[in-house]
PDB file of N, CA and C in Angstrom:
ATOM      1  N   MET A   1      -6.418 -10.552 -16.261  1.00  0.00           N
ATOM      2  CA  MET A   1      -5.585 -11.489 -14.928  1.00  0.00           C
ATOM      3  C   MET A   1      -6.255 -11.320 -14.136  1.00  0.00           C
ATOM      4  N   MET A   2      -6.505 -12.468 -14.001  1.00  0.00           N
ATOM      5  CA  MET A   2      -7.049 -12.692 -12.437  1.00  0.00           C
ATOM      6  C   MET A   2      -6.159 -11.988 -10.933  1.00  0.00           C
ATOM      7  N   CYS A   3      -7.687 -11.831 -10.322  1.00  0.00           N
ATOM      8  CA  CYS A   3      -7.193 -11.166  -9.259  1.00  0.00           C
ATOM      9  C   CYS A   3      -6.355 -11.997  -8.434  1.00  0.00           C
ATOM     10  N   GLY A   4      -5.231 -11.015  -8.013  1.00  0.00           N
ATOM     11  CA  GLY A   4      -4.815 -11.795  -7.272  1.00  0.00           C
ATOM     12  C   GLY A   4      -3.657 -12.797  -7.331  1.00  0.00           C
ATOM     13  N   ALA A   5      -3.877 -13.348  -8.441  1.00  0.00           N
ATOM     14  CA  ALA A   5      -2.540 -13.626  -9.103  1.00  0.00           C
ATOM     15  C   ALA A   5      -1.826 -13.070 -10.796  1.00  0.00           C
ATOM     16  N   PRO A   6      -0.509 -13.037  -9.883  1.00  0.00           N
ATOM     17  CA  PRO A   6       0.751 -12.093 -10.606  1.00  0.00           C
ATOM     18  C   PRO A   6       0.283 -12.188 -12.132  1.00  0.00           C
ATOM     19  N   SER A   7       0.394 -10.758 -13.017  1.00  0.00           N
ATOM     20  CA  SER A   7       0.506 -10.841 -14.368  1.00  0.00           C
ATOM     21  C   SER A   7       1.801 -11.840 -14.563  1.00  0.00           C
ATOM     22  N   ALA A   8       1.806 -12.266 -16.341  1.00  0.00           N
ATOM     23  CA  ALA A   8       3.297 -12.731 -16.799  1.00  0.00           C
ATOM     24  C   ALA A   8       3.966 -11.137 -16.892  1.00  0.00           C
ATOM     25  N   THR A   9       5.368 -11.918 -17.417  1.00  0.00           N
ATOM     26  CA  THR A   9       6.326 -10.816 -17.241  1.00  0.00           C
ATOM     27  C   THR A   9       5.969 -10.283 -18.257  1.00  0.00           C
ATOM     28  N   GLN A  10       6.216  -8.625 -18.258  1.00  0.00           N
ATOM     29  CA  GLN A  10       6.628  -8.133 -19.349  1.00  0.00           C
ATOM     30  C   GLN A  10       7.194  -7.482 -19.132  1.00  0.00           C
ATOM     31  N   PRO A  11       7.633  -6.523 -20.398  1.00  0.00           N
ATOM     32  CA  PRO A  11       9.243  -5.352 -20.422  1.00  0.00           C
ATOM     33  C   PRO A  11       8.293  -4.504 -20.711  1.00  0.00           C
ATOM     34  N   ALA A  12       8.978  -3.979 -19.502  1.00  0.00           N
ATOM     35  CA  ALA A  12       8.927  -2.303 -18.767  1.00  0.00           C
ATOM     36  C   ALA A  12       8.689  -1.230 -20.273  1.00  0.00           C
ATOM     37  N   THR A  13       7.649  -0.353 -19.147  1.00  0.00           N
ATOM     38  CA  THR A  13       6.844   0.478 -20.493  1.00  0.00           C
ATOM     39  C   THR A  13       7.676   2.208 -20.082  1.00  0.00           C
ATOM     40  N   ALA A  14       7.362   3.193 -20.431  1.00  0.00           N
ATOM     41  CA  ALA A  14       7.302   4.693 -19.495  1.00  0.00           C
ATOM     42  C   ALA A  14       7.068   4.500 -18.209  1.00  0.00           C
ATOM     43  N   GLU A  15       5.528   4.197 -17.756  1.00  0.00           N
ATOM     44  CA  GLU A  15       4.916   4.244 -16.920  1.00  0.00           C
ATOM     45  C   GLU A  15       5.316   3.768 -15.541  1.00  0.00           C
ATOM     46  N   ILE A  16       6.028   2.294 -16.027  1.00  0.00           N
ATOM     47  CA  ILE A  16       7.128   1.354 -15.219  1.00  0.00           C
ATOM     48  C   ILE A  16       7.765   2.439 -14.208  1.00  0.00           C
ATOM     49  N   GLN A  17       8.118   2.376 -16.086  1.00  0.00           N
ATOM     50  CA  GLN A  17      10.158   3.650 -15.625  1.00  0.00           C
ATOM     51  C   GLN A  17       9.257   4.103 -14.475  1.00  0.00           C
ATOM     52  N   ALA A  18       8.076   5.907 -14.594  1.00  0.00           N
ATOM     53  CA  ALA A  18       7.781   6.543 -13.584  1.00  0.00           C
ATOM     54  C   ALA A  18       7.440   5.891 -12.874  1.00  0.00           C
ATOM     55  N   ILE A  19       6.978   4.606 -12.463  1.00  0.00           N
ATOM     56  CA  ILE A  19       6.779   3.962 -10.655  1.00  0.00           C
ATOM     57  C   ILE A  19       8.244   3.548 -10.174  1.00  0.00           C
ATOM     58  N   ALA A  20       8.942   3.198 -10.830  1.00  0.00           N
ATOM     59  CA  ALA A  20      10.511   2.553 -10.006  1.00  0.00           C
ATOM     60  C   ALA A  20      10.867   4.014  -9.964  1.00  0.00           C
ATOM     61  N   ASP A  21      11.077   4.945  -9.988  1.00  0.00           N
ATOM     62  CA  ASP A  21      11.365   6.315 -10.895  1.00  0.00           C
ATOM     63  C   ASP A  21      10.467   7.294  -9.126  1.00  0.00           C
ATOM     64  N   GLN A  22       9.677   6.914  -8.738  1.00  0.00           N
ATOM     65  CA  GLN A  22       9.273   7.165  -8.211  1.00  0.00           C
ATOM     66  C   GLN A  22       9.578   7.626  -6.986  1.00  0.00           C
ATOM     67  N   VAL A  23      10.224   6.298  -6.115  1.00  0.00           N
ATOM     68  CA  VAL A  23      10.304   4.442  -5.275  1.00  0.00           C
ATOM     69  C   VAL A  23      11.843   4.458  -4.992  1.00  0.00           C
ATOM     70  N   ARG A  24      12.551   5.533  -6.355  1.00  0.00           N
ATOM     71  CA  ARG A  24      13.699   4.648  -6.635  1.00  0.00           C
ATOM     72  C   ARG A  24      14.880   5.384  -4.717  1.00  0.00           C
ATOM     73  N   SER A  25      14.562   6.695  -4.629  1.00  0.00           N
ATOM     74  CA  SER A  25      15.078   7.497  -2.971  1.00  0.00           C
ATOM     75  C   SER A  25      13.984   6.997  -2.508  1.00  0.00           C
ATOM     76  N   GLN A  26      13.590   6.045  -1.879  1.00  0.00           N
ATOM     77  CA  GLN A  26      13.169   5.466  -1.039  1.00  0.00           C
ATOM     78  C   GLN A  26      14.466   4.343  -1.188  1.00  0.00           C
ATOM     79  N   LEU A  27      14.466   3.323  -1.908  1.00  0.00           N
ATOM     80  CA  LEU A  27      15.370   2.826  -1.995  1.00  0.00           C
ATOM     81  C   LEU A  27      16.993   3.215  -1.568  1.00  0.00           C
ATOM     82  N   GLU A  28      17.277   4.050  -2.245  1.00  0.00           N
ATOM     83  CA  GLU A  28      18.901   4.466  -1.802  1.00  0.00           C
ATOM     84  C   GLU A  28      18.742   4.767  -0.355  1.00  0.00           C
ATOM     85  N   GLU A  29      17.536   5.432   0.572  1.00  0.00           N
ATOM     86  CA  GLU A  29      17.820   5.992   1.354  1.00  0.00           C
ATOM     87  C   GLU A  29      17.821   4.508   2.368  1.00  0.00           C
ATOM     88  N   ARG A  30      16.585   2.894   2.593  1.00  0.00           N
ATOM     89  CA  ARG A  30      17.251   1.622   2.586  1.00  0.00           C
ATOM     90  C   ARG A  30      18.372   1.326   2.774  1.00  0.00           C
ATOM     91  N   GLU A  31      18.925   1.406   1.214  1.00  0.00           N
ATOM     92  CA  GLU A  31      21.065   0.520   1.180  1.00  0.00           C
ATOM     93  C   GLU A  31      22.098   2.245   1.343  1.00  0.00           C
ATOM     94  N   ASN A  32      20.928   3.539   1.689  1.00  0.00           N
ATOM     95  CA  ASN A  32      22.305   4.039   1.990  1.00  0.00           C
ATOM     96  C   ASN A  32      23.448   4.525   0.557  1.00  0.00           C
ATOM     97  N   LYS A  33      22.959   4.648  -0.524  1.00  0.00           N
ATOM     98  CA  LYS A  33      23.465   4.520  -1.580  1.00  0.00           C
ATOM     99  C   LYS A  33      22.733   5.279  -2.842  1.00  0.00           C
ATOM    100  N   LYS A  34      23.171   5.681  -3.567  1.00  0.00           N
ATOM    101  CA  LYS A  34      23.541   6.193  -5.008  1.00  0.00           C
ATOM    102  C   LYS A  34      23.350   6.123  -5.993  1.00  0.00           C
ATOM    103  N   TYR A  35      22.558   5.057  -6.785  1.00  0.00           N
ATOM    104  CA  TYR A  35      22.610   4.579  -8.013  1.00  0.00           C
ATOM    105  C   TYR A  35      22.170   5.589  -9.516  1.00  0.00           C
ATOM    106  N   THR A  36      23.621   5.116  -9.929  1.00  0.00           N
ATOM    107  CA  THR A  36      23.900   5.960 -11.396  1.00  0.00           C
ATOM    108  C   THR A  36      23.083   5.738 -12.390  1.00  0.00           C
ATOM    109  N   VAL A  37      22.208   4.279 -12.492  1.00  0.00           N
ATOM    110  CA  VAL A  37      21.666   3.807 -13.318  1.00  0.00           C
ATOM    111  C   VAL A  37      21.192   3.349 -12.478  1.00  0.00           C
ATOM    112  N   PHE A  38      19.916   3.118 -13.411  1.00  0.00           N
ATOM    113  CA  PHE A  38      18.128   3.221 -12.286  1.00  0.00           C
ATOM    114  C   PHE A  38      17.345   2.883 -12.987  1.00  0.00           C
ATOM    115  N   LYS A  39      17.287   1.691 -13.864  1.00  0.00           N
ATOM    116  CA  LYS A  39      16.342   1.413 -15.687  1.00  0.00           C
ATOM    117  C   LYS A  39      15.195   0.647 -15.206  1.00  0.00           C
ATOM    118  N   ALA A  40      13.941   0.662 -15.787  1.00  0.00           N
ATOM    119  CA  ALA A  40      13.573  -0.657 -15.564  1.00  0.00           C
ATOM    120  C   ALA A  40      13.530  -1.691 -16.676  1.00  0.00           C
ATOM    121  N   VAL A  41      13.754  -3.366 -16.369  1.00  0.00           N
ATOM    122  CA  VAL A  41      13.873  -3.678 -17.712  1.00  0.00           C
ATOM    123  C   VAL A  41      12.577  -5.462 -18.028  1.00  0.00           C
ATOM    124  N   GLU A  42      11.910  -4.886 -16.727  1.00  0.00           N
ATOM    125  CA  GLU A  42      10.689  -6.176 -17.065  1.00  0.00           C
ATOM    126  C   GLU A  42       9.701  -5.477 -15.661  1.00  0.00           C
ATOM    127  N   PHE A  43       8.728  -6.189 -15.987  1.00  0.00           N
ATOM    128  CA  PHE A  43       8.197  -6.535 -14.618  1.00  0.00           C
ATOM    129  C   PHE A  43       6.875  -7.160 -14.257  1.00  0.00           C
ATOM    130  N   LYS A  44       5.734  -7.633 -13.525  1.00  0.00           N
ATOM    131  CA  LYS A  44       5.162  -8.343 -13.104  1.00  0.00           C
ATOM    132  C   LYS A  44       4.145  -7.250 -13.038  1.00  0.00           C
ATOM    133  N   SER A  45       2.240  -7.579 -12.795  1.00  0.00           N
ATOM    134  CA  SER A  45       1.632  -6.668 -11.706  1.00  0.00           C
ATOM    135  C   SER A  45       0.658  -7.609 -11.174  1.00  0.00           C
ATOM    136  N   GLN A  46       0.145  -7.856 -10.290  1.00  0.00           N
ATOM    137  CA  GLN A  46      -0.707  -8.207  -9.579  1.00  0.00           C
ATOM    138  C   GLN A  46      -1.497  -7.142  -8.231  1.00  0.00           C
ATOM    139  N   VAL A  47      -2.969  -7.797  -9.243  1.00  0.00           N
ATOM    140  CA  VAL A  47      -4.941  -6.984  -8.251  1.00  0.00           C
ATOM    141  C   VAL A  47      -4.359  -7.268  -7.344  1.00  0.00           C
ATOM    142  N   VAL A  48      -4.493  -6.868  -6.099  1.00  0.00           N
ATOM    143  CA  VAL A  48      -4.547  -6.914  -4.814  1.00  0.00           C
ATOM    144  C   VAL A  48      -5.931  -5.286  -4.442  1.00  0.00           C
ATOM    145  N   ALA A  49      -5.800  -5.424  -3.287  1.00  0.00           N
ATOM    146  CA  ALA A  49      -6.616  -3.940  -3.261  1.00  0.00           C
ATOM    147  C   ALA A  49      -5.950  -2.759  -2.864  1.00  0.00           C
ATOM    148  N   GLY A  50      -5.425  -2.691  -4.529  1.00  0.00           N
ATOM    149  CA  GLY A  50      -4.837  -1.810  -4.809  1.00  0.00           C
ATOM    150  C   GLY A  50      -3.971  -2.348  -6.101  1.00  0.00           C
ATOM    151  N   THR A  51      -2.753  -1.859  -6.149  1.00  0.00           N
ATOM    152  CA  THR A  51      -1.999  -2.890  -7.004  1.00  0.00           C
ATOM    153  C   THR A  51      -0.635  -2.898  -6.775  1.00  0.00           C
ATOM    154  N   ASN A  52       0.387  -4.396  -6.637  1.00  0.00           N
ATOM    155  CA  ASN A  52       1.969  -4.661  -6.205  1.00  0.00           C
ATOM    156  C   ASN A  52       2.637  -4.716  -7.931  1.00  0.00           C
ATOM    157  N   TYR A  53       3.056  -3.730  -8.027  1.00  0.00           N
ATOM    158  CA  TYR A  53       4.481  -3.974  -9.421  1.00  0.00           C
ATOM    159  C   TYR A  53       5.404  -5.040  -9.121  1.00  0.00           C
ATOM    160  N   PHE A  54       5.984  -6.265  -9.218  1.00  0.00           N
ATOM    161  CA  PHE A  54       7.543  -6.547  -8.996  1.00  0.00           C
ATOM    162  C   PHE A  54       7.946  -5.483 -10.346  1.00  0.00           C
ATOM    163  N   ILE A  55       8.996  -5.086 -10.324  1.00  0.00           N
ATOM    164  CA  ILE A  55       9.806  -4.988 -11.464  1.00  0.00           C
ATOM    165  C   ILE A  55      11.598  -5.000 -11.368  1.00  0.00           C
ATOM    166  N   LYS A  56      12.228  -5.612 -12.455  1.00  0.00           N
ATOM    167  CA  LYS A  56      14.006  -5.742 -11.961  1.00  0.00           C
ATOM    168  C   LYS A  56      13.868  -4.399 -12.901  1.00  0.00           C
ATOM    169  N   VAL A  57      15.153  -4.190 -11.792  1.00  0.00           N
ATOM    170  CA  VAL A  57      15.648  -3.001 -12.686  1.00  0.00           C
ATOM    171  C   VAL A  57      17.914  -3.106 -12.546  1.00  0.00           C
ATOM    172  N   GLN A  58      18.011  -1.728 -13.279  1.00  0.00           N
ATOM    173  CA  GLN A  58      19.403  -2.972 -13.417  1.00  0.00           C
ATOM    174  C   GLN A  58      19.678  -2.002 -12.612  1.00  0.00           C
ATOM    175  N   VAL A  59      21.345  -1.972 -12.215  1.00  0.00           N
ATOM    176  CA  VAL A  59      21.405  -0.760 -11.036  1.00  0.00           C
ATOM    177  C   VAL A  59      22.844  -0.030 -11.882  1.00  0.00           C
ATOM    178  N   ASP A  60      23.620  -1.562 -12.315  1.00  0.00           N
ATOM    179  CA  ASP A  60      24.988  -1.476 -12.755  1.00  0.00           C
ATOM    180  C   ASP A  60      24.723  -2.381 -14.201  1.00  0.00           C
ATOM    181  N   ASP A  61      26.393  -2.646 -14.753  1.00  0.00           N
ATOM    182  CA  ASP A  61      26.116  -3.305 -15.617  1.00  0.00           C
ATOM    183  C   ASP A  61      26.368  -4.578 -15.718  1.00  0.00           C
ATOM    184  N   ASP A  62      26.332  -5.419 -14.779  1.00  0.00           N
ATOM    185  CA  ASP A  62      25.745  -6.433 -14.825  1.00  0.00           C
ATOM    186  C   ASP A  62      25.181  -6.794 -13.203  1.00  0.00           C
ATOM    187  N   ASP A  63      24.374  -5.469 -12.264  1.00  0.00           N
ATOM    188  CA  ASP A  63      23.800  -6.201 -11.026  1.00  0.00           C
ATOM    189  C   ASP A  63      22.203  -5.769 -11.874  1.00  0.00           C
ATOM    190  N   PHE A  64      21.528  -6.160 -10.983  1.00  0.00           N
ATOM    191  CA  PHE A  64      20.154  -5.609 -11.162  1.00  0.00           C
ATOM    192  C   PHE A  64      19.013  -5.772  -9.508  1.00  0.00           C
ATOM    193  N   MET A  65      18.333  -5.411  -9.671  1.00  0.00           N
ATOM    194  CA  MET A  65      17.969  -5.733  -8.084  1.00  0.00           C
ATOM    195  C   MET A  65      15.623  -6.511  -8.623  1.00  0.00           C
ATOM    196  N   HIS A  66      15.497  -6.438  -7.687  1.00  0.00           N
ATOM    197  CA  HIS A  66      14.123  -6.190  -7.804  1.00  0.00           C
ATOM    198  C   HIS A  66      13.095  -5.259  -6.759  1.00  0.00           C
ATOM    199  N   ILE A  67      12.153  -4.758  -7.490  1.00  0.00           N
ATOM    200  CA  ILE A  67      11.819  -4.168  -5.999  1.00  0.00           C
ATOM    201  C   ILE A  67      10.148  -4.347  -6.393  1.00  0.00           C
ATOM    202  N   ARG A  68       9.436  -4.236  -5.255  1.00  0.00           N
ATOM    203  CA  ARG A  68       7.591  -4.720  -4.952  1.00  0.00           C
ATOM    204  C   ARG A  68       7.531  -3.265  -4.450  1.00  0.00           C
ATOM    205  N   VAL A  69       6.661  -2.659  -5.239  1.00  0.00           N
ATOM    206  CA  VAL A  69       6.124  -1.144  -5.155  1.00  0.00           C
ATOM    207  C   VAL A  69       4.164  -1.350  -5.016  1.00  0.00           C
ATOM    208  N   TYR A  70       3.417  -1.025  -4.084  1.00  0.00           N
ATOM    209  CA  TYR A  70       2.453  -0.827  -4.356  1.00  0.00           C
ATOM    210  C   TYR A  70       1.812   0.637  -3.930  1.00  0.00           C
ATOM    211  N   GLU A  71       0.747   0.587  -5.505  1.00  0.00           N
ATOM    212  CA  GLU A  71       0.116   1.089  -5.425  1.00  0.00           C
ATOM    213  C   GLU A  71      -1.501   1.378  -4.542  1.00  0.00           C
ATOM    214  N   SER A  72      -1.756   2.131  -3.935  1.00  0.00           N
ATOM    215  CA  SER A  72      -3.586   1.997  -3.111  1.00  0.00           C
ATOM    216  C   SER A  72      -4.557   2.638  -4.516  1.00  0.00           C
ATOM    217  N   LEU A  73      -5.124   1.972  -3.705  1.00  0.00           N
ATOM    218  CA  LEU A  73      -6.027   2.839  -4.905  1.00  0.00           C
ATOM    219  C   LEU A  73      -6.605   4.163  -4.780  1.00  0.00           C
ATOM    220  N   PRO A  74      -6.869   4.812  -6.212  1.00  0.00           N
ATOM    221  CA  PRO A  74      -6.742   6.517  -6.388  1.00  0.00           C
ATOM    222  C   PRO A  74      -7.532   6.769  -5.144  1.00  0.00           C
ATOM    223  N   HIS A  75      -8.787   6.311  -4.861  1.00  0.00           N
ATOM    224  CA  HIS A  75      -9.185   7.364  -3.639  1.00  0.00           C
ATOM    225  C   HIS A  75      -8.558   7.684  -2.632  1.00  0.00           C
ATOM    226  N   THR A  76      -7.652   6.536  -2.488  1.00  0.00           N
ATOM    227  CA  THR A  76      -7.504   7.112  -1.090  1.00  0.00           C
ATOM    228  C   THR A  76      -5.954   8.393  -1.393  1.00  0.00           C
ATOM    229  N   ASN A  77      -5.663   8.670  -1.863  1.00  0.00           N
ATOM    230  CA  ASN A  77      -4.263   9.071  -1.993  1.00  0.00           C
ATOM    231  C   ASN A  77      -3.414   9.244  -1.342  1.00  0.00           C
ATOM    232  N   LYS A  78      -2.693   8.155  -1.465  1.00  0.00           N
ATOM    233  CA  LYS A  78      -1.926   7.893  -1.221  1.00  0.00           C
ATOM    234  C   LYS A  78       0.275   7.739  -1.974  1.00  0.00           C
ATOM    235  N   PRO A  79       0.592   8.323  -2.012  1.00  0.00           N
ATOM    236  CA  PRO A  79       1.135   7.663  -2.617  1.00  0.00           C
ATOM    237  C   PRO A  79       2.203   6.450  -2.644  1.00  0.00           C
ATOM    238  N   LEU A  80       2.616   6.115  -3.389  1.00  0.00           N
ATOM    239  CA  LEU A  80       3.472   4.652  -4.083  1.00  0.00           C
ATOM    240  C   LEU A  80       4.515   4.097  -2.749  1.00  0.00           C
ATOM    241  N   ALA A  81       4.612   3.027  -2.645  1.00  0.00           N
ATOM    242  CA  ALA A  81       5.188   2.677  -1.361  1.00  0.00           C
ATOM    243  C   ALA A  81       6.187   0.996  -2.361  1.00  0.00           C
ATOM    244  N   LEU A  82       7.944   1.674  -1.921  1.00  0.00           N
ATOM    245  CA  LEU A  82       8.537   0.681  -1.684  1.00  0.00           C
ATOM    246  C   LEU A  82       8.446  -0.764  -0.845  1.00  0.00           C
ATOM    247  N   THR A  83       7.910  -1.469  -0.832  1.00  0.00           N
ATOM    248  CA  THR A  83       7.063  -2.277   0.281  1.00  0.00           C
ATOM    249  C   THR A  83       8.181  -3.334   0.710  1.00  0.00           C
ATOM    250  N   ASN A  84       8.874  -4.028  -0.677  1.00  0.00           N
ATOM    251  CA  ASN A  84       9.942  -5.025  -0.542  1.00  0.00           C
ATOM    252  C   ASN A  84      11.051  -4.774  -1.858  1.00  0.00           C
ATOM    253  N   TYR A  85      12.587  -5.527  -1.777  1.00  0.00           N
ATOM    254  CA  TYR A  85      13.636  -5.722  -3.140  1.00  0.00           C
ATOM    255  C   TYR A  85      14.301  -6.540  -2.569  1.00  0.00           C
ATOM    256  N   GLN A  86      15.164  -6.844  -3.302  1.00  0.00           N
ATOM    257  CA  GLN A  86      16.416  -7.823  -3.844  1.00  0.00           C
ATOM    258  C   GLN A  86      17.372  -7.853  -3.916  1.00  0.00           C
ATOM    259  N   THR A  87      18.493  -7.575  -3.114  1.00  0.00           N
ATOM    260  CA  THR A  87      19.777  -7.321  -4.077  1.00  0.00           C
ATOM    261  C   THR A  87      20.139  -8.617  -4.758  1.00  0.00           C
ATOM    262  N   HIS A  88      21.423  -7.971  -5.400  1.00  0.00           N
ATOM    263  CA  HIS A  88      22.826  -8.849  -6.217  1.00  0.00           C
ATOM    264  C   HIS A  88      21.416  -9.477  -7.112  1.00  0.00           C
ATOM    265  N   LYS A  89      20.708  -9.401  -7.321  1.00  0.00           N
ATOM    266  CA  LYS A  89      19.938 -10.754  -8.497  1.00  0.00           C
ATOM    267  C   LYS A  89      20.957  -9.872 -10.194  1.00  0.00           C
ATOM    268  N   ALA A  90      20.333 -11.373 -11.210  1.00  0.00           N
ATOM    269  CA  ALA A  90      20.472 -11.240 -12.497  1.00  0.00           C
ATOM    270  C   ALA A  90      19.934 -10.792 -13.464  1.00  0.00           C
ATOM    271  N   ARG A  91      20.075 -10.568 -14.931  1.00  0.00           N
ATOM    272  CA  ARG A  91      19.253  -9.906 -15.890  1.00  0.00           C
ATOM    273  C   ARG A  91      18.368 -11.247 -15.973  1.00  0.00           C
ATOM    274  N   HIS A  92      19.407 -13.048 -15.460  1.00  0.00           N
ATOM    275  CA  HIS A  92      18.544 -13.321 -15.901  1.00  0.00           C
ATOM    276  C   HIS A  92      17.270 -14.449 -15.423  1.00  0.00           C
ATOM    277  N   ASP A  93      17.667 -14.196 -13.650  1.00  0.00           N
ATOM    278  CA  ASP A  93      16.917 -14.051 -12.134  1.00  0.00           C
ATOM    279  C   ASP A  93      15.127 -13.916 -12.725  1.00  0.00           C
ATOM    280  N   GLU A  94      14.448 -15.033 -12.657  1.00  0.00           N
ATOM    281  CA  GLU A  94      13.360 -14.778 -12.781  1.00  0.00           C
ATOM    282  C   GLU A  94      12.372 -13.845 -11.857  1.00  0.00           C
ATOM    283  N   LEU A  95      11.900 -12.739 -12.081  1.00  0.00           N
ATOM    284  CA  LEU A  95      11.069 -12.153 -11.899  1.00  0.00           C
ATOM    285  C   LEU A  95       9.609 -13.317 -10.447  1.00  0.00           C
ATOM    286  N   ALA A  96       9.839 -12.898  -9.358  1.00  0.00           N
ATOM    287  CA  ALA A  96       9.203 -14.172  -8.688  1.00  0.00           C
ATOM    288  C   ALA A  96       8.524 -13.086  -8.213  1.00  0.00           C
ATOM    289  N   TYR A  97       7.251 -13.701  -7.627  1.00  0.00           N
ATOM    290  CA  TYR A  97       6.747 -12.920  -6.286  1.00  0.00           C
ATOM    291  C   TYR A  97       7.929 -13.205  -4.875  1.00  0.00           C
ATOM    292  N   PHE A  98       7.765 -12.248  -4.114  1.00  0.00           N
ATOM    293  CA  PHE A  98       8.290 -12.589  -2.614  1.00  0.00           C
ATOM    294  C   PHE A  98       7.513 -10.087  -2.068  1.00  0.00           C
TER     295      PHE A  98
END
């Protein structure tokens, strides 16, 4: 993967689900809503000064969100941060940079 360019879309893994789970409370706080479903479906990653993860998350039967999570470099000891998100997405919507 080229530094700075997002990876190809890949199926979500257990590691990606764990990343999504760690920022779930940040998203629920911003949206003032609790999600009963929160399943990572697919993702892209982007190496910057750390890593951006673009994750498509299923939050209801036919409702998805795209979340962007920043993981800083290990030596900084900073927690994962929800940096942006998009609501009202569909399963077929492309996971693009935002």
